[in-house]
């Protein structure tokens, strides 16, 4: 059987990993949104320049 302390430590490590993954995904989404915004601005600038 699994020792209770080992199980508790595994749960704590998993919780830390999940929090890290959630933070990383949030940062990636923020960067993607910023990149998308810059891309749209460039597309608008280019379309204005062509006209």
PDB file of N, CA and C in Angstrom:
ATOM      1  N   UNK A   1       0.814  -1.189   0.000  1.00  0.00           N
ATOM      2  CA  UNK A   1       0.000   0.000   0.000  1.00  0.00           C
ATOM      3  C   UNK A   1       0.868   1.269   0.000  1.00  0.00           C
ATOM      4  N   UNK A   2       0.343   2.334  -0.512  1.00  0.00           N
ATOM      5  CA  UNK A   2       1.089   3.590  -0.609  1.00  0.00           C
ATOM      6  C   UNK A   2       1.116   4.267   0.759  1.00  0.00           C
ATOM      7  N   UNK A   3       2.293   4.719   1.116  1.00  0.00           N
ATOM      8  CA  UNK A   3       2.448   5.451   2.366  1.00  0.00           C
ATOM      9  C   UNK A   3       1.675   6.768   2.264  1.00  0.00           C
ATOM     10  N   UNK A   4       1.011   7.152   3.339  1.00  0.00           N
ATOM     11  CA  UNK A   4       0.180   8.361   3.331  1.00  0.00           C
ATOM     12  C   UNK A   4       1.002   9.616   3.040  1.00  0.00           C
ATOM     13  N   UNK A   5       2.223   9.690   3.582  1.00  0.00           N
ATOM     14  CA  UNK A   5       3.088  10.851   3.324  1.00  0.00           C
ATOM     15  C   UNK A   5       3.495  10.913   1.853  1.00  0.00           C
ATOM     16  N   UNK A   6       3.781   9.759   1.247  1.00  0.00           N
ATOM     17  CA  UNK A   6       4.135   9.728  -0.172  1.00  0.00           C
ATOM     18  C   UNK A   6       2.958  10.186  -1.029  1.00  0.00           C
ATOM     19  N   UNK A   7       1.780   9.746  -0.676  1.00  0.00           N
ATOM     20  CA  UNK A   7       0.581  10.138  -1.418  1.00  0.00           C
ATOM     21  C   UNK A   7       0.339  11.637  -1.294  1.00  0.00           C
ATOM     22  N   UNK A   8       0.482  12.158  -0.091  1.00  0.00           N
ATOM     23  CA  UNK A   8       0.286  13.599   0.145  1.00  0.00           C
ATOM     24  C   UNK A   8       1.304  14.401  -0.681  1.00  0.00           C
ATOM     25  N   UNK A   9       2.558  13.963  -0.670  1.00  0.00           N
ATOM     26  CA  UNK A   9       3.598  14.661  -1.435  1.00  0.00           C
ATOM     27  C   UNK A   9       3.310  14.606  -2.933  1.00  0.00           C
ATOM     28  N   UNK A  10       2.831  13.474  -3.418  1.00  0.00           N
ATOM     29  CA  UNK A  10       2.479  13.335  -4.837  1.00  0.00           C
ATOM     30  C   UNK A  10       1.339  14.285  -5.201  1.00  0.00           C
ATOM     31  N   UNK A  11       0.359  14.393  -4.327  1.00  0.00           N
ATOM     32  CA  UNK A  11      -0.768  15.300  -4.576  1.00  0.00           C
ATOM     33  C   UNK A  11      -0.296  16.743  -4.596  1.00  0.00           C
ATOM     34  N   UNK A  12       0.576  17.104  -3.668  1.00  0.00           N
ATOM     35  CA  UNK A  12       1.098  18.474  -3.617  1.00  0.00           C
ATOM     36  C   UNK A  12       1.896  18.784  -4.878  1.00  0.00           C
ATOM     37  N   UNK A  13       2.745  17.866  -5.316  1.00  0.00           N
ATOM     38  CA  UNK A  13       3.534  18.076  -6.533  1.00  0.00           C
ATOM     39  C   UNK A  13       2.630  18.199  -7.753  1.00  0.00           C
ATOM     40  N   UNK A  14       1.610  17.372  -7.824  1.00  0.00           N
ATOM     41  CA  UNK A  14       0.674  17.434  -8.944  1.00  0.00           C
ATOM     42  C   UNK A  14      -0.051  18.767  -8.959  1.00  0.00           C
ATOM     43  N   UNK A  15      -0.454  19.241  -7.787  1.00  0.00           N
ATOM     44  CA  UNK A  15      -1.139  20.532  -7.680  1.00  0.00           C
ATOM     45  C   UNK A  15      -0.230  21.653  -8.170  1.00  0.00           C
ATOM     46  N   UNK A  16       1.062  21.609  -7.765  1.00  0.00           N
ATOM     47  CA  UNK A  16       2.021  22.613  -8.240  1.00  0.00           C
ATOM     48  C   UNK A  16       2.163  22.560  -9.755  1.00  0.00           C
ATOM     49  N   UNK A  17       2.228  21.353 -10.292  1.00  0.00           N
ATOM     50  CA  UNK A  17       2.364  21.192 -11.745  1.00  0.00           C
ATOM     51  C   UNK A  17       1.149  21.765 -12.468  1.00  0.00           C
ATOM     52  N   UNK A  18      -0.037  21.488 -11.949  1.00  0.00           N
ATOM     53  CA  UNK A  18      -1.261  21.990 -12.577  1.00  0.00           C
ATOM     54  C   UNK A  18      -1.291  23.506 -12.527  1.00  0.00           C
ATOM     55  N   UNK A  19      -0.904  24.093 -11.396  1.00  0.00           N
ATOM     56  CA  UNK A  19      -0.868  25.558 -11.298  1.00  0.00           C
ATOM     57  C   UNK A  19       0.120  26.140 -12.298  1.00  0.00           C
ATOM     58  N   UNK A  20       1.300  25.507 -12.443  1.00  0.00           N
ATOM     59  CA  UNK A  20       2.300  25.983 -13.398  1.00  0.00           C
ATOM     60  C   UNK A  20       1.765  25.898 -14.826  1.00  0.00           C
ATOM     61  N   UNK A  21       1.116  24.786 -15.153  1.00  0.00           N
ATOM     62  CA  UNK A  21       0.550  24.610 -16.494  1.00  0.00           C
ATOM     63  C   UNK A  21      -0.511  25.666 -16.765  1.00  0.00           C
ATOM     64  N   UNK A  22      -1.374  25.930 -15.800  1.00  0.00           N
ATOM     65  CA  UNK A  22      -2.422  26.945 -15.976  1.00  0.00           C
ATOM     66  C   UNK A  22      -1.823  28.332 -16.186  1.00  0.00           C
ATOM     67  N   UNK A  23      -0.802  28.675 -15.400  1.00  0.00           N
ATOM     68  CA  UNK A  23      -0.133  29.982 -15.577  1.00  0.00           C
ATOM     69  C   UNK A  23       0.518  30.074 -16.949  1.00  0.00           C
ATOM     70  N   UNK A  24       1.182  29.009 -17.356  1.00  0.00           N
ATOM     71  CA  UNK A  24       1.859  29.002 -18.651  1.00  0.00           C
ATOM     72  C   UNK A  24       0.849  29.143 -19.789  1.00  0.00           C
ATOM     73  N   UNK A  25      -0.260  28.431 -19.715  1.00  0.00           N
ATOM     74  CA  UNK A  25      -1.293  28.548 -20.745  1.00  0.00           C
ATOM     75  C   UNK A  25      -1.879  29.950 -20.790  1.00  0.00           C
ATOM     76  N   UNK A  26      -2.097  30.554 -19.633  1.00  0.00           N
ATOM     77  CA  UNK A  26      -2.625  31.925 -19.592  1.00  0.00           C
ATOM     78  C   UNK A  26      -1.639  32.896 -20.237  1.00  0.00           C
ATOM     79  N   UNK A  27      -0.348  32.707 -19.966  1.00  0.00           N
ATOM     80  CA  UNK A  27       0.670  33.565 -20.581  1.00  0.00           C
ATOM     81  C   UNK A  27       0.696  33.371 -22.091  1.00  0.00           C
ATOM     82  N   UNK A  28       0.570  32.135 -22.535  1.00  0.00           N
ATOM     83  CA  UNK A  28       0.562  31.856 -23.971  1.00  0.00           C
ATOM     84  C   UNK A  28      -0.651  32.501 -24.632  1.00  0.00           C
ATOM     85  N   UNK A  29      -1.810  32.418 -23.993  1.00  0.00           N
ATOM     86  CA  UNK A  29      -3.010  33.041 -24.547  1.00  0.00           C
ATOM     87  C   UNK A  29      -2.842  34.549 -24.634  1.00  0.00           C
ATOM     88  N   UNK A  30      -2.239  35.149 -23.615  1.00  0.00           N
ATOM     89  CA  UNK A  30      -2.011  36.594 -23.619  1.00  0.00           C
ATOM     90  C   UNK A  30      -1.070  36.981 -24.765  1.00  0.00           C
ATOM     91  N   UNK A  31       0.016  36.221 -24.935  1.00  0.00           N
ATOM     92  CA  UNK A  31       0.951  36.493 -26.039  1.00  0.00           C
ATOM     93  C   UNK A  31       0.276  36.312 -27.386  1.00  0.00           C
ATOM     94  N   UNK A  32      -0.556  35.268 -27.512  1.00  0.00           N
ATOM     95  CA  UNK A  32      -1.263  35.037 -28.775  1.00  0.00           C
ATOM     96  C   UNK A  32      -2.212  36.187 -29.084  1.00  0.00           C
ATOM     97  N   UNK A  33      -2.896  36.684 -28.054  1.00  0.00           N
ATOM     98  CA  UNK A  33      -3.815  37.799 -28.260  1.00  0.00           C
ATOM     99  C   UNK A  33      -3.041  39.051 -28.687  1.00  0.00           C
ATOM    100  N   UNK A  34      -1.905  39.293 -28.062  1.00  0.00           N
ATOM    101  CA  UNK A  34      -1.091  40.461 -28.417  1.00  0.00           C
ATOM    102  C   UNK A  34      -0.556  40.322 -29.836  1.00  0.00           C
ATOM    103  N   UNK A  35      -0.121  39.129 -30.192  1.00  0.00           N
ATOM    104  CA  UNK A  35       0.384  38.895 -31.548  1.00  0.00           C
ATOM    105  C   UNK A  35      -0.733  39.086 -32.561  1.00  0.00           C
ATOM    106  N   UNK A  36      -1.899  38.569 -32.257  1.00  0.00           N
ATOM    107  CA  UNK A  36      -3.049  38.727 -33.151  1.00  0.00           C
ATOM    108  C   UNK A  36      -3.401  40.202 -33.336  1.00  0.00           C
ATOM    109  N   UNK A  37      -3.336  40.959 -32.258  1.00  0.00           N
ATOM    110  CA  UNK A  37      -3.632  42.391 -32.330  1.00  0.00           C
ATOM    111  C   UNK A  37      -2.620  43.111 -33.221  1.00  0.00           C
ATOM    112  N   UNK A  38      -1.337  42.794 -33.063  1.00  0.00           N
ATOM    113  CA  UNK A  38      -0.308  43.416 -33.911  1.00  0.00           C
ATOM    114  C   UNK A  38      -0.480  43.020 -35.368  1.00  0.00           C
ATOM    115  N   UNK A  39      -0.832  41.770 -35.600  1.00  0.00           N
ATOM    116  CA  UNK A  39      -1.050  41.301 -36.969  1.00  0.00           C
ATOM    117  C   UNK A  39      -2.209  42.051 -37.623  1.00  0.00           C
ATOM    118  N   UNK A  40      -3.298  42.214 -36.900  1.00  0.00           N
ATOM    119  CA  UNK A  40      -4.452  42.959 -37.429  1.00  0.00           C
ATOM    120  C   UNK A  40      -4.067  44.406 -37.731  1.00  0.00           C
ATOM    121  N   UNK A  41      -3.269  45.016 -36.863  1.00  0.00           N
ATOM    122  CA  UNK A  41      -2.838  46.401 -37.093  1.00  0.00           C
ATOM    123  C   UNK A  41      -1.999  46.485 -38.361  1.00  0.00           C
ATOM    124  N   UNK A  42      -1.112  45.527 -38.570  1.00  0.00           N
ATOM    125  CA  UNK A  42      -0.299  45.516 -39.792  1.00  0.00           C
ATOM    126  C   UNK A  42      -1.162  45.301 -41.028  1.00  0.00           C
ATOM    127  N   UNK A  43      -2.144  44.421 -40.930  1.00  0.00           N
ATOM    128  CA  UNK A  43      -3.038  44.184 -42.067  1.00  0.00           C
ATOM    129  C   UNK A  43      -3.828  45.439 -42.400  1.00  0.00           C
ATOM    130  N   UNK A  44      -4.303  46.147 -41.377  1.00  0.00           N
ATOM    131  CA  UNK A  44      -5.036  47.394 -41.612  1.00  0.00           C
ATOM    132  C   UNK A  44      -4.132  48.450 -42.235  1.00  0.00           C
ATOM    133  N   UNK A  45      -2.908  48.560 -41.727  1.00  0.00           N
ATOM    134  CA  UNK A  45      -1.965  49.532 -42.279  1.00  0.00           C
ATOM    135  C   UNK A  45      -1.668  49.218 -43.738  1.00  0.00           C
ATOM    136  N   UNK A  46      -1.486  47.947 -44.024  1.00  0.00           N
ATOM    137  CA  UNK A  46      -1.179  47.558 -45.396  1.00  0.00           C
ATOM    138  C   UNK A  46      -2.367  47.830 -46.330  1.00  0.00           C
ATOM    139  N   UNK A  47      -3.576  47.537 -45.861  1.00  0.00           N
ATOM    140  CA  UNK A  47      -4.747  47.775 -46.720  1.00  0.00           C
ATOM    141  C   UNK A  47      -4.954  49.267 -46.959  1.00  0.00           C
ATOM    142  N   UNK A  48      -4.673  50.100 -45.967  1.00  0.00           N
ATOM    143  CA  UNK A  48      -4.787  51.565 -46.134  1.00  0.00           C
ATOM    144  C   UNK A  48      -3.721  52.060 -47.111  1.00  0.00           C
ATOM    145  N   UNK A  49      -2.554  51.466 -47.052  1.00  0.00           N
ATOM    146  CA  UNK A  49      -1.446  51.884 -47.905  1.00  0.00           C
ATOM    147  C   UNK A  49      -1.711  51.522 -49.368  1.00  0.00           C
ATOM    148  N   UNK A  50      -2.362  50.382 -49.590  1.00  0.00           N
ATOM    149  CA  UNK A  50      -2.646  49.913 -50.955  1.00  0.00           C
ATOM    150  C   UNK A  50      -3.699  50.799 -51.618  1.00  0.00           C
ATOM    151  N   UNK A  51      -4.634  51.264 -50.857  1.00  0.00           N
ATOM    152  CA  UNK A  51      -5.732  52.062 -51.440  1.00  0.00           C
ATOM    153  C   UNK A  51      -5.289  53.371 -51.881  1.00  0.00           C
TER     154      UNK A  51
END
